[in-house]
C-alpha atoms as a PDB file:
ATOM      1  CA  MET A   1      19.903  47.481 -22.498  1.00  0.00           C
ATOM      2  CA  THR A   2      22.659  49.888 -21.547  1.00  0.00           C
ATOM      3  CA  ARG A   3      23.371  51.113 -18.089  1.00  0.00           C
ATOM      4  CA  ARG A   4      22.251  54.608 -19.171  1.00  0.00           C
ATOM      5  CA  ASP A   5      18.871  53.251 -20.453  1.00  0.00           C
ATOM      6  CA  LEU A   6      18.302  51.364 -17.196  1.00  0.00           C
ATOM      7  CA  ILE A   7      18.997  54.450 -15.059  1.00  0.00           C
ATOM      8  CA  GLN A   8      16.668  56.585 -17.215  1.00  0.00           C
ATOM      9  CA  LYS A   9      13.829  54.024 -16.915  1.00  0.00           C
ATOM     10  CA  VAL A  10      14.281  53.734 -13.158  1.00  0.00           C
ATOM     11  CA  LEU A  11      14.285  57.518 -12.760  1.00  0.00           C
ATOM     12  CA  VAL A  12      11.197  58.008 -14.960  1.00  0.00           C
ATOM     13  CA  GLY A  13       9.326  55.143 -13.328  1.00  0.00           C
ATOM     14  CA  GLY A  14      10.203  56.287  -9.791  1.00  0.00           C
ATOM     15  CA  THR A  15       9.157  59.851 -10.547  1.00  0.00           C
ATOM     16  CA  THR A  16       5.890  58.600 -11.999  1.00  0.00           C
ATOM     17  CA  LEU A  17       5.197  56.536  -8.879  1.00  0.00           C
ATOM     18  CA  ILE A  18       5.705  59.581  -6.670  1.00  0.00           C
ATOM     19  CA  VAL A  19       4.136  62.389  -8.747  1.00  0.00           C
ATOM     20  CA  VAL A  20       1.030  60.742 -10.232  1.00  0.00           C
ATOM     21  CA  PRO A  21      -0.548  59.520  -6.991  1.00  0.00           C
ATOM     22  CA  SER A  22      -0.085  62.920  -5.333  1.00  0.00           C
ATOM     23  CA  LEU A  23      -1.693  64.662  -8.315  1.00  0.00           C
ATOM     24  CA  LEU A  24      -4.641  62.248  -8.289  1.00  0.00           C
ATOM     25  CA  SER A  25      -5.192  62.685  -4.588  1.00  0.00           C
ATOM     26  CA  GLN A  26      -5.425  66.468  -5.068  1.00  0.00           C
ATOM     27  CA  CYS A  27      -8.376  65.873  -7.392  1.00  0.00           C
ATOM     28  CA  SER A  28     -10.346  63.800  -4.895  1.00  0.00           C
ATOM     29  CA  LYS A  29     -12.918  65.302  -2.547  1.00  0.00           C
ATOM     30  CA  ASP A  30     -12.252  64.950   1.139  1.00  0.00           C
ATOM     31  CA  ASN A  31     -13.534  66.309   4.420  1.00  0.00           C
ATOM     32  CA  ASN A  32     -10.683  68.815   4.636  1.00  0.00           C
ATOM     33  CA  ASP A  33     -12.002  70.772   1.683  1.00  0.00           C
ATOM     34  CA  PRO A  34     -12.237  74.438   2.727  1.00  0.00           C
ATOM     35  CA  GLY A  35     -15.870  74.580   1.486  1.00  0.00           C
ATOM     36  CA  THR A  36     -16.855  71.615   3.646  1.00  0.00           C
ATOM     37  CA  PRO A  37     -18.670  72.397   6.863  1.00  0.00           C
ATOM     38  CA  ASN A  38     -16.890  71.684  10.140  1.00  0.00           C
ATOM     39  CA  PRO A  39     -19.154  69.590  12.442  1.00  0.00           C
ATOM     40  CA  GLY A  40     -19.657  71.025  15.906  1.00  0.00           C
ATOM     41  CA  LYS A  41     -18.890  74.565  14.744  1.00  0.00           C
ATOM     42  CA  THR A  42     -21.230  77.438  14.004  1.00  0.00           C
ATOM     43  CA  LEU A  43     -21.613  79.722  11.040  1.00  0.00           C
ATOM     44  CA  THR A  44     -22.718  83.295  11.778  1.00  0.00           C
ATOM     45  CA  ILE A  45     -24.542  85.341   9.160  1.00  0.00           C
ATOM     46  CA  ASP A  46     -25.214  89.052   9.679  1.00  0.00           C
ATOM     47  CA  LEU A  47     -28.365  89.913   7.748  1.00  0.00           C
ATOM     48  CA  THR A  48     -27.264  93.585   7.517  1.00  0.00           C
ATOM     49  CA  ASN A  49     -24.234  92.511   5.467  1.00  0.00           C
ATOM     50  CA  THR A  50     -24.952  93.203   1.785  1.00  0.00           C
ATOM     51  CA  ASN A  51     -23.496  89.772   0.870  1.00  0.00           C
ATOM     52  CA  TYR A  52     -26.581  88.210   2.478  1.00  0.00           C
ATOM     53  CA  ASN A  53     -29.294  90.597   1.166  1.00  0.00           C
ATOM     54  CA  ALA A  54     -31.103  87.673  -0.487  1.00  0.00           C
ATOM     55  CA  LEU A  55     -31.931  86.279   2.965  1.00  0.00           C
ATOM     56  CA  ASN A  56     -33.987  89.333   3.858  1.00  0.00           C
ATOM     57  CA  ALA A  57     -36.856  88.265   1.586  1.00  0.00           C
ATOM     58  CA  PRO A  58     -38.862  85.023   1.631  1.00  0.00           C
ATOM     59  CA  GLY A  59     -37.493  82.657  -0.989  1.00  0.00           C
ATOM     60  CA  GLY A  60     -34.012  84.144  -0.918  1.00  0.00           C
ATOM     61  CA  SER A  61     -31.011  81.912  -0.375  1.00  0.00           C
ATOM     62  CA  VAL A  62     -27.240  82.093  -0.195  1.00  0.00           C
ATOM     63  CA  VAL A  63     -24.502  79.472  -0.154  1.00  0.00           C
ATOM     64  CA  VAL A  64     -21.901  80.012   2.565  1.00  0.00           C
ATOM     65  CA  GLN A  65     -19.077  77.571   3.276  1.00  0.00           C
ATOM     66  CA  GLY A  66     -20.831  74.666   1.588  1.00  0.00           C
ATOM     67  CA  ILE A  67     -24.199  75.348   3.275  1.00  0.00           C
ATOM     68  CA  ILE A  68     -27.291  76.746   1.536  1.00  0.00           C
ATOM     69  CA  VAL A  69     -29.265  78.966   3.868  1.00  0.00           C
ATOM     70  CA  ALA A  70     -32.788  79.887   2.746  1.00  0.00           C
ATOM     71  CA  ASN A  71     -35.498  82.206   3.987  1.00  0.00           C
ATOM     72  CA  ALA A  72     -38.707  80.109   4.093  1.00  0.00           C
ATOM     73  CA  GLY A  73     -40.850  83.089   5.183  1.00  0.00           C
ATOM     74  CA  ASN A  74     -42.492  83.806   8.555  1.00  0.00           C
ATOM     75  CA  ASN A  75     -39.023  84.302  10.124  1.00  0.00           C
ATOM     76  CA  ILE A  76     -38.096  80.643   9.367  1.00  0.00           C
ATOM     77  CA  PHE A  77     -34.638  79.940   7.987  1.00  0.00           C
ATOM     78  CA  LEU A  78     -33.449  76.598   6.656  1.00  0.00           C
ATOM     79  CA  ALA A  79     -29.935  75.259   6.138  1.00  0.00           C
ATOM     80  CA  LEU A  80     -28.732  72.171   4.286  1.00  0.00           C
ATOM     81  CA  ASP A  81     -25.475  70.994   2.775  1.00  0.00           C
ATOM     82  CA  SER A  82     -25.460  72.722  -0.610  1.00  0.00           C
ATOM     83  CA  VAL A  83     -23.968  69.931  -2.722  1.00  0.00           C
ATOM     84  CA  CYS A  84     -26.349  67.386  -4.267  1.00  0.00           C
ATOM     85  CA  THR A  85     -25.446  63.869  -3.231  1.00  0.00           C
ATOM     86  CA  HIS A  86     -26.059  62.565  -6.763  1.00  0.00           C
ATOM     87  CA  GLN A  87     -23.261  64.197  -8.747  1.00  0.00           C
ATOM     88  CA  GLY A  88     -22.147  67.252  -6.776  1.00  0.00           C
ATOM     89  CA  CYS A  89     -24.122  70.105  -8.286  1.00  0.00           C
ATOM     90  CA  THR A  90     -25.132  73.039  -6.076  1.00  0.00           C
ATOM     91  CA  ILE A  91     -28.796  72.866  -5.062  1.00  0.00           C
ATOM     92  CA  THR A  92     -31.226  75.822  -5.050  1.00  0.00           C
ATOM     93  CA  TYR A  93     -34.257  76.746  -2.957  1.00  0.00           C
ATOM     94  CA  ASN A  94     -37.870  76.817  -4.176  1.00  0.00           C
ATOM     95  CA  LEU A  95     -40.147  78.823  -1.847  1.00  0.00           C
ATOM     96  CA  ALA A  96     -43.415  77.766  -3.538  1.00  0.00           C
ATOM     97  CA  SER A  97     -42.659  74.064  -2.936  1.00  0.00           C
ATOM     98  CA  ASN A  98     -40.510  74.637   0.188  1.00  0.00           C
ATOM     99  CA  ASN A  99     -37.884  72.260  -1.195  1.00  0.00           C
ATOM    100  CA  PHE A 100     -34.358  72.230  -2.572  1.00  0.00           C
ATOM    101  CA  PRO A 101     -34.128  71.122  -6.219  1.00  0.00           C
ATOM    102  CA  CYS A 102     -30.918  70.216  -7.987  1.00  0.00           C
ATOM    103  CA  PRO A 103     -30.767  71.932 -11.379  1.00  0.00           C
ATOM    104  CA  CYS A 104     -28.497  69.297 -12.915  1.00  0.00           C
ATOM    105  CA  HIS A 105     -30.394  66.006 -12.835  1.00  0.00           C
ATOM    106  CA  GLY A 106     -33.726  66.686 -11.145  1.00  0.00           C
ATOM    107  CA  SER A 107     -33.161  65.475  -7.608  1.00  0.00           C
ATOM    108  CA  VAL A 108     -35.320  67.267  -5.051  1.00  0.00           C
ATOM    109  CA  PHE A 109     -34.711  67.432  -1.282  1.00  0.00           C
ATOM    110  CA  SER A 110     -37.246  68.384   1.412  1.00  0.00           C
ATOM    111  CA  SER A 111     -36.651  71.217   3.880  1.00  0.00           C
ATOM    112  CA  ASN A 112     -35.076  68.685   6.278  1.00  0.00           C
ATOM    113  CA  GLY A 113     -32.761  67.243   3.615  1.00  0.00           C
ATOM    114  CA  SER A 114     -34.619  63.995   2.880  1.00  0.00           C
ATOM    115  CA  ILE A 115     -35.034  62.890  -0.718  1.00  0.00           C
ATOM    116  CA  VAL A 116     -38.325  63.815  -2.370  1.00  0.00           C
ATOM    117  CA  ASN A 117     -37.238  62.882  -5.883  1.00  0.00           C
ATOM    118  CA  GLY A 118     -34.207  61.006  -7.240  1.00  0.00           C
ATOM    119  CA  PRO A 119     -31.807  60.186  -8.826  1.00  0.00           C
ATOM    120  CA  ALA A 120     -30.045  61.103  -5.570  1.00  0.00           C
ATOM    121  CA  THR A 121     -30.112  58.190  -3.129  1.00  0.00           C
ATOM    122  CA  THR A 122     -28.522  59.881  -0.091  1.00  0.00           C
ATOM    123  CA  ALA A 123     -30.165  62.646   1.897  1.00  0.00           C
ATOM    124  CA  LEU A 124     -28.517  65.993   2.613  1.00  0.00           C
ATOM    125  CA  ASP A 125     -27.472  66.954   6.120  1.00  0.00           C
ATOM    126  CA  SER A 126     -29.688  69.670   7.618  1.00  0.00           C
ATOM    127  CA  HIS A 127     -28.465  72.229  10.112  1.00  0.00           C
ATOM    128  CA  LEU A 128     -30.213  74.102  12.915  1.00  0.00           C
ATOM    129  CA  VAL A 129     -30.661  77.812  12.291  1.00  0.00           C
ATOM    130  CA  THR A 130     -31.412  80.278  15.055  1.00  0.00           C
ATOM    131  CA  LYS A 131     -32.058  84.009  14.671  1.00  0.00           C
ATOM    132  CA  SER A 132     -31.282  86.735  17.201  1.00  0.00           C
ATOM    133  CA  GLY A 133     -31.948  90.213  15.907  1.00  0.00           C
ATOM    134  CA  ASN A 134     -30.171  90.454  12.554  1.00  0.00           C
ATOM    135  CA  ILE A 135     -27.866  87.500  13.220  1.00  0.00           C
ATOM    136  CA  LEU A 136     -28.412  83.949  11.978  1.00  0.00           C
ATOM    137  CA  THR A 137     -26.444  81.197  13.636  1.00  0.00           C
ATOM    138  CA  VAL A 138     -26.160  77.898  11.754  1.00  0.00           C
ATOM    139  CA  THR A 139     -25.001  74.947  13.841  1.00  0.00           C
ATOM    140  CA  LEU A 140     -22.904  72.653  11.655  1.00  0.00           C
END
């Protein structure tokens, strides 16, 4: 092996050791994801904002900052983490059953986030929702 070959192999190997791990870590999910809720904070939703029109009718839901907020009727609003704990699909809300099904693999979560039906094995975090006038406040 020539000196030039050795230097090339060291440079390529060193670059690989630096670049590949940083690329792989960018693909991993962590708690600093901008869509991940921030515990101890609140999320404010103005029901007069057209982005949240779905919440003005029973059965309507929206996903905001990784939280699904649903109108369960009778002025009751529910909020859960929106990502299924099975394989990361976004859950939906079913008013007739008052539950949150995952459209990908059939997991179903209750209105408090507990598992009704697998394959998910971990419950979803639920969040307190209060309403004052046209403002919903979700405590994360």
